[in-house]
Amino acid sequence: MLKLRHLFAAIVMAIMFSACSDNSLNTPEPTDDATSNVISKIEAEELVQTLTTTTEGFENGTKTSYATGTVTLGTGSWTLSDALIGTLTSDRKNGARSARLINTGRITMNFNRTTGAGTISIRHAVFGSDGASSWELWASTNSGASWTKIGATVTTSSTTLQTATFTANISGTVRIEIRKVSGGSARLNIDDITITGYTTSSGGGTTPAPASVHLNMGNPTGAVTSTNAPTNYLMEKPQFALSYHRDKGIPNWVSWHVSASWLGSAPRQDDFRADNTLPTGWYRVGNTSYTGSGFDRGHNCPSADRTRTTTDNSATFLMTNMIPQSPDNNQGPWASLEDYTRTLVNQGNECYVIMGQYGTGGTGSNGFRSTIDNGRVTVPNRIWKVIVVLPAESGDDATRVTTSTRVIAVDMPNTQGIRNNNWGTYRTTVDAIEAAAGVDVLSRVPASIQAVIESRVDNGPTQ
């Protein structure tokens, strides 16, 4: 305990020291000084966050019946109603155990966290071959006397664990409850509940700034860098961040920051290649995987957004940054939107861009395809993008977003015949994209502001 107090004191001193420096949290330049003895503000905030994180994986406890009962788990006492701790092969789990709910089952925390809740991530899947289930997250700030729903209702239909991430932003005392609301005999597995502490950042935000500038608006799917999450695998590169889907061979989404400092005169490298940083044993999509398919190797983070150095530009040609994109989409309205984003930057703005896809099956120059590369790469049906436009300033950019911030959201079909269409005709709401793609795009933005900007269709200029 003494060592922990010393560590915490060192962290606080590091934060105070770095707050007096001229370094900006939002400077996109990667550092080459690996020998520095001074901990950065971001590193310090991450360490503070680690000390205030609760993770329950159901590995330390036994409950073999659905009858209501209390069980002591690794984090403390929980009540499971219409729920047990499953150990069967059919239980979807990370490790040896996970919770299994039936009917209107509940998992209730019986103890309080005093460091609040910044974000709450929960892994979920259907049990065995059961049908889909819907569930909700609820929180109490008065020791369980009353409860408030957090975020949207989640529908679970996958037989592999998926991660749902909720932005709670609750300070002080908090406990949580998971409620299966669909009823019926379909069973639901819940595992790896992770609650991060509520922390006010130096920029005035409600959660610490992430390690990657490219995730300043949030992690849309709660992706993690773990081989236990092969369909939602987080990859953070100096040039962009992404969630990779091993089984589809494409990213779920890619997120990046673009400002004047990212733009220069480096030429286009065109060095399409496999990403050798993928875990050992995973199939690596190669530079010829799209050959003859009728689809472009469609960049998520564009080459032209990374012209500061040849290294930055080359990074955009990794195949983990590509999706099979119809030529008319990629070379038509999509390219126009990319150009317009850089126009906004050249007008004195900085932009946070998140691009993703959903659905299966698109039409390229050789017709409709669901997959290419012998079935190892999925062709998406829809392609979406969200752009947050901010004046180029310093500070925690998520907290600079207001109800008047311009947010551009588009959702385009991955098909031919649209080359000459104006990208503006595909504008939609962030809410609509989140519902269709199952993402939470701007999770670091305060919830009250999200409610306004995510329900609004942009009507600004298109060039």
Foldseek 3Di string as FASTA:
>chain_A
DVVVVVVLVLLVVLLVVQVPDPDFPQDLDDDPCPPDPRDHNLRSQVVVQVVQKDKFFQPAWFFDDQDWDWIQGPVGIKIKHQKGWDQDPQAAGDPRTWMKHAFWIKIWDQDKRFLAFFKKKKKKAWGHQFAKWKKWKWKDQPRPPDIDTFDDIDIHGHSHIFMDMTGDLTHGIMIMMMITDRGHGTMMTMGIIMTTGFDQGPLRFGGRQHPASQQLLHQWRPADCDPSCQQQHWDDDSAWIFGFRLQQQETQKIKGKFAPLQADAADQDPPAAWDPVPDPPGDTDGPCQCPPVQFDFAFRPDLRRHRNYNVSSVVRNHSRRGARFACLCRQAQVVLQVVVQVVLNVVQKMKMKMKGFAAFWEQGPVGIDQATSVSRHGHGFKIKMKMWIGGPDGGSVLAVDALPTDIWIFMGTRYPDCRHPHRLVRTDFLVVVCVRSVTDRRSRHPPVSCVRRRHDTDDDDSD
